[in-house]
PDB file of N, CA and C in Angstrom:
ATOM      1  N   UNK A   1     -12.348   6.024 -42.790  1.00  0.00           N
ATOM      2  CA  UNK A   1     -10.699   5.833 -42.057  1.00  0.00           C
ATOM      3  C   UNK A   1     -10.182   6.996 -41.738  1.00  0.00           C
ATOM      4  N   UNK A   2     -10.409   7.727 -42.379  1.00  0.00           N
ATOM      5  CA  UNK A   2     -10.014   8.761 -41.752  1.00  0.00           C
ATOM      6  C   UNK A   2     -10.746   9.791 -40.260  1.00  0.00           C
ATOM      7  N   UNK A   3     -11.351   9.665 -39.920  1.00  0.00           N
ATOM      8  CA  UNK A   3     -11.970   9.354 -38.590  1.00  0.00           C
ATOM      9  C   UNK A   3     -11.384   8.494 -37.396  1.00  0.00           C
ATOM     10  N   UNK A   4     -11.027   7.345 -38.227  1.00  0.00           N
ATOM     11  CA  UNK A   4     -10.349   6.326 -37.104  1.00  0.00           C
ATOM     12  C   UNK A   4      -8.851   6.719 -36.782  1.00  0.00           C
ATOM     13  N   UNK A   5      -8.219   7.135 -38.142  1.00  0.00           N
ATOM     14  CA  UNK A   5      -7.434   7.965 -37.591  1.00  0.00           C
ATOM     15  C   UNK A   5      -7.124   9.403 -36.674  1.00  0.00           C
ATOM     16  N   UNK A   6      -8.014  10.168 -37.061  1.00  0.00           N
ATOM     17  CA  UNK A   6      -8.040  11.416 -35.748  1.00  0.00           C
ATOM     18  C   UNK A   6      -8.583  11.086 -34.610  1.00  0.00           C
ATOM     19  N   UNK A   7      -9.446  10.108 -34.491  1.00  0.00           N
ATOM     20  CA  UNK A   7      -9.627   9.614 -33.060  1.00  0.00           C
ATOM     21  C   UNK A   7      -8.311   8.785 -32.078  1.00  0.00           C
ATOM     22  N   UNK A   8      -7.698   8.431 -33.400  1.00  0.00           N
ATOM     23  CA  UNK A   8      -6.680   7.143 -32.954  1.00  0.00           C
ATOM     24  C   UNK A   8      -5.036   8.154 -32.662  1.00  0.00           C
ATOM     25  N   UNK A   9      -5.484   9.980 -33.271  1.00  0.00           N
ATOM     26  CA  UNK A   9      -4.179  10.549 -32.570  1.00  0.00           C
ATOM     27  C   UNK A   9      -4.748  10.842 -31.493  1.00  0.00           C
ATOM     28  N   UNK A  10      -6.132  11.423 -31.420  1.00  0.00           N
ATOM     29  CA  UNK A  10      -7.011  11.706 -29.916  1.00  0.00           C
ATOM     30  C   UNK A  10      -6.378  10.852 -29.240  1.00  0.00           C
ATOM     31  N   UNK A  11      -7.226   9.738 -28.750  1.00  0.00           N
ATOM     32  CA  UNK A  11      -6.438   8.893 -27.760  1.00  0.00           C
ATOM     33  C   UNK A  11      -5.180   9.018 -27.582  1.00  0.00           C
ATOM     34  N   UNK A  12      -4.270   8.700 -28.793  1.00  0.00           N
ATOM     35  CA  UNK A  12      -2.758   8.534 -27.941  1.00  0.00           C
ATOM     36  C   UNK A  12      -2.199  10.141 -27.901  1.00  0.00           C
ATOM     37  N   UNK A  13      -2.916  11.389 -27.695  1.00  0.00           N
ATOM     38  CA  UNK A  13      -2.816  12.571 -26.817  1.00  0.00           C
ATOM     39  C   UNK A  13      -2.832  12.957 -26.224  1.00  0.00           C
ATOM     40  N   UNK A  14      -3.916  12.076 -25.980  1.00  0.00           N
ATOM     41  CA  UNK A  14      -5.012  12.092 -24.023  1.00  0.00           C
ATOM     42  C   UNK A  14      -4.351  11.446 -23.160  1.00  0.00           C
ATOM     43  N   UNK A  15      -3.753   9.879 -23.715  1.00  0.00           N
ATOM     44  CA  UNK A  15      -2.537   9.697 -22.842  1.00  0.00           C
ATOM     45  C   UNK A  15      -1.102   9.819 -22.555  1.00  0.00           C
ATOM     46  N   UNK A  16      -0.478  11.027 -23.957  1.00  0.00           N
ATOM     47  CA  UNK A  16       0.377  11.739 -23.536  1.00  0.00           C
ATOM     48  C   UNK A  16       0.345  12.540 -22.985  1.00  0.00           C
ATOM     49  N   UNK A  17      -0.811  13.122 -22.584  1.00  0.00           N
ATOM     50  CA  UNK A  17      -1.230  14.863 -21.992  1.00  0.00           C
ATOM     51  C   UNK A  17      -1.120  13.922 -20.824  1.00  0.00           C
ATOM     52  N   UNK A  18      -1.935  12.838 -20.349  1.00  0.00           N
ATOM     53  CA  UNK A  18      -1.798  12.395 -19.547  1.00  0.00           C
ATOM     54  C   UNK A  18      -0.731  12.018 -18.714  1.00  0.00           C
ATOM     55  N   UNK A  19       0.236  11.105 -19.380  1.00  0.00           N
ATOM     56  CA  UNK A  19       1.237  10.529 -18.741  1.00  0.00           C
ATOM     57  C   UNK A  19       2.262  11.725 -18.190  1.00  0.00           C
ATOM     58  N   UNK A  20       2.153  12.932 -19.358  1.00  0.00           N
ATOM     59  CA  UNK A  20       3.069  13.833 -18.841  1.00  0.00           C
ATOM     60  C   UNK A  20       2.949  14.634 -17.331  1.00  0.00           C
ATOM     61  N   UNK A  21       1.813  14.615 -17.581  1.00  0.00           N
ATOM     62  CA  UNK A  21       0.768  15.329 -16.264  1.00  0.00           C
ATOM     63  C   UNK A  21       1.298  14.602 -15.174  1.00  0.00           C
ATOM     64  N   UNK A  22       1.149  13.200 -14.846  1.00  0.00           N
ATOM     65  CA  UNK A  22       1.969  13.051 -14.019  1.00  0.00           C
ATOM     66  C   UNK A  22       3.415  12.745 -13.945  1.00  0.00           C
ATOM     67  N   UNK A  23       3.967  12.652 -14.920  1.00  0.00           N
ATOM     68  CA  UNK A  23       5.258  13.158 -14.524  1.00  0.00           C
ATOM     69  C   UNK A  23       5.753  14.851 -13.921  1.00  0.00           C
ATOM     70  N   UNK A  24       4.738  15.299 -14.110  1.00  0.00           N
ATOM     71  CA  UNK A  24       4.833  16.866 -13.570  1.00  0.00           C
ATOM     72  C   UNK A  24       4.583  17.156 -12.896  1.00  0.00           C
ATOM     73  N   UNK A  25       3.474  16.182 -12.462  1.00  0.00           N
ATOM     74  CA  UNK A  25       3.092  16.142 -10.885  1.00  0.00           C
ATOM     75  C   UNK A  25       4.030  15.298  -9.366  1.00  0.00           C
ATOM     76  N   UNK A  26       4.807  14.702 -10.412  1.00  0.00           N
ATOM     77  CA  UNK A  26       5.594  14.410  -9.857  1.00  0.00           C
ATOM     78  C   UNK A  26       7.230  14.842  -9.287  1.00  0.00           C
ATOM     79  N   UNK A  27       6.952  15.077 -10.544  1.00  0.00           N
ATOM     80  CA  UNK A  27       8.417  16.613 -10.538  1.00  0.00           C
ATOM     81  C   UNK A  27       8.550  17.805  -9.309  1.00  0.00           C
ATOM     82  N   UNK A  28       6.966  18.336  -9.635  1.00  0.00           N
ATOM     83  CA  UNK A  28       6.752  19.418  -8.388  1.00  0.00           C
ATOM     84  C   UNK A  28       6.436  18.688  -7.092  1.00  0.00           C
ATOM     85  N   UNK A  29       6.884  17.776  -7.149  1.00  0.00           N
ATOM     86  CA  UNK A  29       6.769  16.902  -5.463  1.00  0.00           C
ATOM     87  C   UNK A  29       8.365  16.502  -4.971  1.00  0.00           C
ATOM     88  N   UNK A  30       9.102  16.249  -6.474  1.00  0.00           N
ATOM     89  CA  UNK A  30      10.145  16.209  -5.558  1.00  0.00           C
ATOM     90  C   UNK A  30      10.714  17.406  -5.643  1.00  0.00           C
ATOM     91  N   UNK A  31      10.433  18.080  -5.958  1.00  0.00           N
ATOM     92  CA  UNK A  31      11.453  19.097  -6.103  1.00  0.00           C
ATOM     93  C   UNK A  31      11.248  20.483  -4.592  1.00  0.00           C
ATOM     94  N   UNK A  32       9.684  20.176  -4.498  1.00  0.00           N
ATOM     95  CA  UNK A  32       8.913  20.511  -3.127  1.00  0.00           C
ATOM     96  C   UNK A  32       9.942  19.667  -2.427  1.00  0.00           C
ATOM     97  N   UNK A  33       9.685  18.659  -2.428  1.00  0.00           N
ATOM     98  CA  UNK A  33      11.042  17.616  -0.784  1.00  0.00           C
ATOM     99  C   UNK A  33      11.712  18.713  -0.934  1.00  0.00           C
ATOM    100  N   UNK A  34      12.261  18.553  -2.125  1.00  0.00           N
ATOM    101  CA  UNK A  34      14.151  18.504  -2.512  1.00  0.00           C
ATOM    102  C   UNK A  34      14.509  20.373  -1.824  1.00  0.00           C
ATOM    103  N   UNK A  35      13.133  21.350  -1.846  1.00  0.00           N
ATOM    104  CA  UNK A  35      14.189  22.957  -1.807  1.00  0.00           C
ATOM    105  C   UNK A  35      12.661  23.391  -0.863  1.00  0.00           C
ATOM    106  N   UNK A  36      11.150  23.045  -1.560  1.00  0.00           N
ATOM    107  CA  UNK A  36      10.943  24.270  -0.294  1.00  0.00           C
ATOM    108  C   UNK A  36      11.061  23.837   1.330  1.00  0.00           C
ATOM    109  N   UNK A  37       9.983  22.159   1.761  1.00  0.00           N
ATOM    110  CA  UNK A  37      10.472  21.752   2.646  1.00  0.00           C
ATOM    111  C   UNK A  37      11.881  21.864   3.645  1.00  0.00           C
ATOM    112  N   UNK A  38      12.837  21.410   3.087  1.00  0.00           N
ATOM    113  CA  UNK A  38      13.784  22.283   3.767  1.00  0.00           C
ATOM    114  C   UNK A  38      14.440  23.620   3.920  1.00  0.00           C
ATOM    115  N   UNK A  39      14.060  24.001   3.371  1.00  0.00           N
ATOM    116  CA  UNK A  39      14.166  26.222   3.878  1.00  0.00           C
ATOM    117  C   UNK A  39      13.348  26.133   4.542  1.00  0.00           C
ATOM    118  N   UNK A  40      11.762  26.062   4.632  1.00  0.00           N
ATOM    119  CA  UNK A  40      11.355  26.111   5.575  1.00  0.00           C
ATOM    120  C   UNK A  40      11.225  25.585   7.104  1.00  0.00           C
ATOM    121  N   UNK A  41      11.980  24.201   6.858  1.00  0.00           N
ATOM    122  CA  UNK A  41      12.306  23.177   7.913  1.00  0.00           C
ATOM    123  C   UNK A  41      13.721  24.327   8.950  1.00  0.00           C
ATOM    124  N   UNK A  42      14.441  24.686   7.955  1.00  0.00           N
ATOM    125  CA  UNK A  42      15.544  25.310   8.249  1.00  0.00           C
ATOM    126  C   UNK A  42      15.419  26.703   8.579  1.00  0.00           C
ATOM    127  N   UNK A  43      14.419  27.447   8.124  1.00  0.00           N
ATOM    128  CA  UNK A  43      14.182  28.407   8.505  1.00  0.00           C
ATOM    129  C   UNK A  43      13.356  28.747  10.015  1.00  0.00           C
ATOM    130  N   UNK A  44      12.224  27.458  10.599  1.00  0.00           N
ATOM    131  CA  UNK A  44      12.286  27.205  11.467  1.00  0.00           C
ATOM    132  C   UNK A  44      12.989  27.092  12.691  1.00  0.00           C
ATOM    133  N   UNK A  45      14.591  26.690  12.372  1.00  0.00           N
ATOM    134  CA  UNK A  45      14.816  26.795  13.156  1.00  0.00           C
ATOM    135  C   UNK A  45      16.218  27.526  13.359  1.00  0.00           C
ATOM    136  N   UNK A  46      16.136  28.400  12.821  1.00  0.00           N
ATOM    137  CA  UNK A  46      17.044  29.754  12.896  1.00  0.00           C
ATOM    138  C   UNK A  46      16.815  30.539  13.826  1.00  0.00           C
ATOM    139  N   UNK A  47      18.013  30.925  14.313  1.00  0.00           N
ATOM    140  CA  UNK A  47      17.625  31.988  15.582  1.00  0.00           C
ATOM    141  C   UNK A  47      18.493  32.864  15.045  1.00  0.00           C
ATOM    142  N   UNK A  48      18.054  33.792  16.018  1.00  0.00           N
ATOM    143  CA  UNK A  48      19.402  35.202  15.708  1.00  0.00           C
ATOM    144  C   UNK A  48      20.081  35.096  16.188  1.00  0.00           C
ATOM    145  N   UNK A  49      21.132  35.745  15.862  1.00  0.00           N
ATOM    146  CA  UNK A  49      22.387  36.056  16.600  1.00  0.00           C
ATOM    147  C   UNK A  49      22.846  37.258  16.281  1.00  0.00           C
ATOM    148  N   UNK A  50      23.803  37.337  17.567  1.00  0.00           N
ATOM    149  CA  UNK A  50      24.640  39.391  16.839  1.00  0.00           C
ATOM    150  C   UNK A  50      25.285  39.004  15.762  1.00  0.00           C
ATOM    151  N   UNK A  51      26.239  37.889  16.169  1.00  0.00           N
ATOM    152  CA  UNK A  51      27.012  37.760  14.484  1.00  0.00           C
ATOM    153  C   UNK A  51      26.247  37.442  13.516  1.00  0.00           C
ATOM    154  N   UNK A  52      25.991  38.358  12.305  1.00  0.00           N
ATOM    155  CA  UNK A  52      25.329  37.502  11.164  1.00  0.00           C
ATOM    156  C   UNK A  52      26.001  36.231  10.684  1.00  0.00           C
ATOM    157  N   UNK A  53      28.174  36.599  10.688  1.00  0.00           N
ATOM    158  CA  UNK A  53      27.799  34.845  10.087  1.00  0.00           C
ATOM    159  C   UNK A  53      28.230  33.857  10.800  1.00  0.00           C
ATOM    160  N   UNK A  54      27.638  33.855  12.208  1.00  0.00           N
ATOM    161  CA  UNK A  54      27.657  32.822  12.842  1.00  0.00           C
ATOM    162  C   UNK A  54      25.929  32.299  12.575  1.00  0.00           C
ATOM    163  N   UNK A  55      24.941  33.222  12.819  1.00  0.00           N
ATOM    164  CA  UNK A  55      23.497  32.930  12.268  1.00  0.00           C
ATOM    165  C   UNK A  55      22.989  32.627  10.630  1.00  0.00           C
ATOM    166  N   UNK A  56      24.689  32.911   9.675  1.00  0.00           N
ATOM    167  CA  UNK A  56      24.384  31.965   7.972  1.00  0.00           C
ATOM    168  C   UNK A  56      24.967  30.938   8.366  1.00  0.00           C
ATOM    169  N   UNK A  57      25.994  30.770   9.069  1.00  0.00           N
ATOM    170  CA  UNK A  57      26.593  29.229   9.006  1.00  0.00           C
ATOM    171  C   UNK A  57      25.345  28.088   9.661  1.00  0.00           C
ATOM    172  N   UNK A  58      24.556  28.285  11.116  1.00  0.00           N
ATOM    173  CA  UNK A  58      23.892  27.779  11.325  1.00  0.00           C
ATOM    174  C   UNK A  58      22.947  26.870  10.829  1.00  0.00           C
ATOM    175  N   UNK A  59      22.161  28.403   9.578  1.00  0.00           N
ATOM    176  CA  UNK A  59      21.070  27.968   8.926  1.00  0.00           C
ATOM    177  C   UNK A  59      22.190  27.192   7.689  1.00  0.00           C
ATOM    178  N   UNK A  60      22.706  27.834   7.299  1.00  0.00           N
ATOM    179  CA  UNK A  60      23.295  26.529   6.477  1.00  0.00           C
ATOM    180  C   UNK A  60      23.432  25.245   6.519  1.00  0.00           C
ATOM    181  N   UNK A  61      24.592  25.138   7.781  1.00  0.00           N
ATOM    182  CA  UNK A  61      24.271  24.423   8.314  1.00  0.00           C
ATOM    183  C   UNK A  61      23.224  23.119   8.758  1.00  0.00           C
ATOM    184  N   UNK A  62      22.235  23.448   9.258  1.00  0.00           N
ATOM    185  CA  UNK A  62      20.188  23.106   9.273  1.00  0.00           C
ATOM    186  C   UNK A  62      20.441  22.559   7.926  1.00  0.00           C
ATOM    187  N   UNK A  63      19.969  23.399   6.975  1.00  0.00           N
ATOM    188  CA  UNK A  63      19.739  23.580   5.598  1.00  0.00           C
ATOM    189  C   UNK A  63      20.231  22.204   5.036  1.00  0.00           C
ATOM    190  N   UNK A  64      21.390  22.169   5.454  1.00  0.00           N
ATOM    191  CA  UNK A  64      22.185  20.555   4.571  1.00  0.00           C
ATOM    192  C   UNK A  64      21.519  19.220   5.868  1.00  0.00           C
ATOM    193  N   UNK A  65      21.012  19.934   6.982  1.00  0.00           N
ATOM    194  CA  UNK A  65      20.991  18.326   7.649  1.00  0.00           C
ATOM    195  C   UNK A  65      19.576  17.623   6.693  1.00  0.00           C
ATOM    196  N   UNK A  66      18.853  19.156   6.893  1.00  0.00           N
ATOM    197  CA  UNK A  66      17.440  18.959   6.630  1.00  0.00           C
ATOM    198  C   UNK A  66      17.067  17.874   4.538  1.00  0.00           C
ATOM    199  N   UNK A  67      18.180  18.569   4.099  1.00  0.00           N
ATOM    200  CA  UNK A  67      18.554  18.506   2.977  1.00  0.00           C
ATOM    201  C   UNK A  67      18.574  17.090   2.595  1.00  0.00           C
ATOM    202  N   UNK A  68      19.492  16.530   3.200  1.00  0.00           N
ATOM    203  CA  UNK A  68      19.804  15.543   3.221  1.00  0.00           C
ATOM    204  C   UNK A  68      18.539  14.479   3.228  1.00  0.00           C
ATOM    205  N   UNK A  69      17.990  15.157   4.631  1.00  0.00           N
ATOM    206  CA  UNK A  69      16.961  13.984   4.985  1.00  0.00           C
ATOM    207  C   UNK A  69      15.869  13.944   4.285  1.00  0.00           C
ATOM    208  N   UNK A  70      15.470  14.676   3.402  1.00  0.00           N
ATOM    209  CA  UNK A  70      14.969  15.280   2.775  1.00  0.00           C
ATOM    210  C   UNK A  70      15.083  14.000   0.853  1.00  0.00           C
ATOM    211  N   UNK A  71      16.767  14.770   0.565  1.00  0.00           N
ATOM    212  CA  UNK A  71      16.440  13.512  -0.150  1.00  0.00           C
ATOM    213  C   UNK A  71      16.532  12.224  -0.124  1.00  0.00           C
ATOM    214  N   UNK A  72      16.857  11.575   1.241  1.00  0.00           N
ATOM    215  CA  UNK A  72      16.656   9.940   1.150  1.00  0.00           C
ATOM    216  C   UNK A  72      15.297  10.264   0.755  1.00  0.00           C
ATOM    217  N   UNK A  73      14.758  10.685   2.137  1.00  0.00           N
ATOM    218  CA  UNK A  73      13.453  10.288   2.102  1.00  0.00           C
ATOM    219  C   UNK A  73      12.451  10.355   1.041  1.00  0.00           C
ATOM    220  N   UNK A  74      13.265  10.896  -0.082  1.00  0.00           N
ATOM    221  CA  UNK A  74      11.677  10.743  -1.443  1.00  0.00           C
ATOM    222  C   UNK A  74      12.315   9.581  -2.005  1.00  0.00           C
ATOM    223  N   UNK A  75      14.636   9.053  -2.122  1.00  0.00           N
ATOM    224  CA  UNK A  75      13.840   7.791  -2.721  1.00  0.00           C
ATOM    225  C   UNK A  75      13.390   6.636  -2.134  1.00  0.00           C
ATOM    226  N   UNK A  76      13.799   7.006  -0.554  1.00  0.00           N
ATOM    227  CA  UNK A  76      12.902   5.784   0.208  1.00  0.00           C
ATOM    228  C   UNK A  76      11.454   6.194  -0.446  1.00  0.00           C
ATOM    229  N   UNK A  77      10.034   6.782  -0.839  1.00  0.00           N
ATOM    230  CA  UNK A  77       8.843   7.380  -0.948  1.00  0.00           C
ATOM    231  C   UNK A  77       9.141   6.185  -2.184  1.00  0.00           C
ATOM    232  N   UNK A  78       9.891   6.483  -2.911  1.00  0.00           N
ATOM    233  CA  UNK A  78       9.433   6.319  -4.887  1.00  0.00           C
ATOM    234  C   UNK A  78      10.318   4.876  -4.693  1.00  0.00           C
ATOM    235  N   UNK A  79      10.845   4.196  -3.979  1.00  0.00           N
ATOM    236  CA  UNK A  79      10.706   2.669  -3.410  1.00  0.00           C
ATOM    237  C   UNK A  79       9.852   2.121  -3.092  1.00  0.00           C
ATOM    238  N   UNK A  80       9.319   2.349  -2.461  1.00  0.00           N
ATOM    239  CA  UNK A  80       7.961   1.782  -1.288  1.00  0.00           C
ATOM    240  C   UNK A  80       6.636   2.125  -2.462  1.00  0.00           C
ATOM    241  N   UNK A  81       6.904   3.465  -2.732  1.00  0.00           N
ATOM    242  CA  UNK A  81       5.615   3.647  -3.808  1.00  0.00           C
ATOM    243  C   UNK A  81       5.231   2.398  -5.132  1.00  0.00           C
ATOM    244  N   UNK A  82       6.549   2.332  -5.803  1.00  0.00           N
ATOM    245  CA  UNK A  82       7.180   1.313  -6.618  1.00  0.00           C
ATOM    246  C   UNK A  82       6.126  -0.148  -6.105  1.00  0.00           C
ATOM    247  N   UNK A  83       7.299  -0.707  -5.071  1.00  0.00           N
ATOM    248  CA  UNK A  83       6.518  -1.669  -4.760  1.00  0.00           C
ATOM    249  C   UNK A  83       4.852  -1.976  -4.435  1.00  0.00           C
ATOM    250  N   UNK A  84       4.539  -0.786  -3.784  1.00  0.00           N
ATOM    251  CA  UNK A  84       3.232  -0.837  -3.501  1.00  0.00           C
ATOM    252  C   UNK A  84       2.604  -0.574  -4.597  1.00  0.00           C
ATOM    253  N   UNK A  85       2.568   0.214  -5.696  1.00  0.00           N
ATOM    254  CA  UNK A  85       2.170   0.403  -6.937  1.00  0.00           C
ATOM    255  C   UNK A  85       1.917  -0.551  -8.334  1.00  0.00           C
ATOM    256  N   UNK A  86       3.573  -0.710  -7.813  1.00  0.00           N
ATOM    257  CA  UNK A  86       3.658  -1.896  -8.959  1.00  0.00           C
ATOM    258  C   UNK A  86       3.836  -1.170 -10.262  1.00  0.00           C
TER     259      UNK A  86
END
């Protein structure tokens, strides 16, 4: 009886860890798409300018555009994955 309880608790604990690892991996991928990729893409398009204010404004505008694309891409990929993997 006791070993059955321990076995069941180990199974449930393992299942909880497996589910949490999936959520953590999903969260890391989401954060990477939302923050890491846009910053790298905006840096690739950054051009030096004699006026730092102009360079910063261009960088902020590009970052906003790329973050918008990353946001909607994440939603689209989530929908496609949900439909594909049910």
